[in-house]
Protein backbone atom coordinates (compact mmCIF):
# COMPACT_ATOMS: atom_id res chain seq x y z
CA MET A 1 -34.80 -11.44 -6.23
CA LYS A 2 -31.61 -9.90 -4.96
CA HIS A 3 -28.18 -11.36 -5.99
CA GLU A 4 -25.03 -11.08 -4.09
CA VAL A 5 -21.74 -10.32 -5.92
CA PHE A 6 -18.57 -12.05 -4.77
CA ILE A 7 -15.09 -11.22 -6.03
CA LEU A 8 -12.73 -14.10 -6.04
CA ASP A 9 -9.08 -12.94 -5.49
CA ASP A 10 -6.74 -15.72 -6.17
CA SER A 11 -3.73 -13.55 -6.89
CA GLU A 12 -1.75 -15.20 -4.13
CA LEU A 13 -1.86 -18.40 -6.25
CA ASP A 14 0.22 -16.70 -9.00
CA ILE A 15 3.49 -17.28 -7.31
CA PRO A 16 5.97 -19.11 -9.34
CA VAL A 17 7.69 -22.30 -7.98
CA PHE A 18 11.11 -20.97 -8.98
CA SER A 19 12.58 -17.55 -8.60
CA SER A 20 14.85 -16.12 -11.28
CA ILE A 21 16.77 -14.45 -8.50
CA CYS A 22 16.79 -16.73 -5.50
CA CYS A 23 17.28 -20.06 -7.19
CA TRP A 24 20.76 -18.84 -8.45
CA CYS A 25 21.82 -17.61 -4.90
CA VAL A 26 24.05 -19.55 -2.58
CA HIS A 27 21.96 -18.61 0.37
CA TYR A 28 18.77 -20.14 -1.02
CA LEU A 29 17.46 -23.18 0.88
CA PRO A 30 15.58 -25.17 -1.80
CA GLU A 31 15.36 -28.26 0.47
CA LYS A 32 13.06 -26.37 2.93
CA ARG A 33 10.35 -25.89 0.12
CA ASP A 34 9.06 -22.67 1.91
CA ARG A 35 10.75 -19.97 -0.10
CA ILE A 36 13.36 -19.28 2.56
CA CYS A 37 16.95 -18.61 2.62
CA LYS A 38 19.72 -17.68 5.10
CA ALA A 39 18.88 -13.91 4.68
CA PHE A 40 15.10 -14.39 5.14
CA PRO A 41 14.61 -17.51 7.47
CA ASP A 42 10.88 -16.52 7.88
CA GLY A 43 10.22 -16.05 4.13
CA ILE A 44 11.76 -14.30 1.15
CA PRO A 45 9.93 -11.06 0.37
CA MET A 46 7.85 -11.25 -2.83
CA ALA A 47 9.67 -8.35 -4.41
CA ILE A 48 12.84 -10.47 -4.40
CA TRP A 49 11.12 -13.87 -5.13
CA MET A 50 9.19 -12.35 -8.13
CA GLY A 51 12.38 -10.68 -9.49
CA GLU A 52 11.40 -7.06 -8.85
CA ASN A 53 14.50 -6.60 -6.72
CA ASP A 54 17.76 -8.36 -7.46
CA HIS A 55 18.79 -8.26 -3.74
CA LYS A 56 22.30 -7.06 -4.72
CA GLN A 57 21.80 -4.09 -2.29
CA PRO A 58 20.70 -4.34 1.41
CA TYR A 59 17.02 -5.16 1.77
CA LYS A 60 15.11 -4.61 5.07
CA GLY A 61 15.40 -7.66 7.27
CA ASP A 62 18.07 -9.42 5.21
CA HIS A 63 20.52 -9.82 8.27
CA GLY A 64 23.33 -8.27 6.15
CA ILE A 65 23.06 -11.28 3.73
CA MET A 66 22.69 -10.39 0.07
CA PHE A 67 22.54 -12.27 -3.33
CA GLU A 68 25.70 -14.22 -4.24
CA LEU A 69 25.78 -16.15 -7.44
CA ARG A 70 25.76 -19.96 -7.02
CA MET A 71 28.31 -21.58 -9.29
CA ILE A 72 26.98 -24.91 -10.57
CA ASN A 73 30.00 -25.90 -12.46
CA PRO A 74 32.84 -23.62 -11.24
CA PRO A 75 35.32 -22.86 -13.95
CA THR A 76 38.50 -24.79 -13.92
CA THR A 77 41.95 -23.38 -14.63
CA PRO A 78 44.10 -25.11 -17.33
CA THR A 79 46.94 -27.09 -16.09
């Protein structure tokens, strides 16, 4: 009896919900829930989403928009 061998590749399921880079950027659009931002309206490249590239330098297709730190609680100046 001959047996077929199948290889299950579920590597595309290993994508984290949050990005250590993108979630801290002012251009990230979390309300869209599709891993998009102003720089990448058709989808953030996996190299950036996975933290392999911090997007502090131009990246192909970013429309000239790069990482800018989102300030959750901006510092206040003493009066």
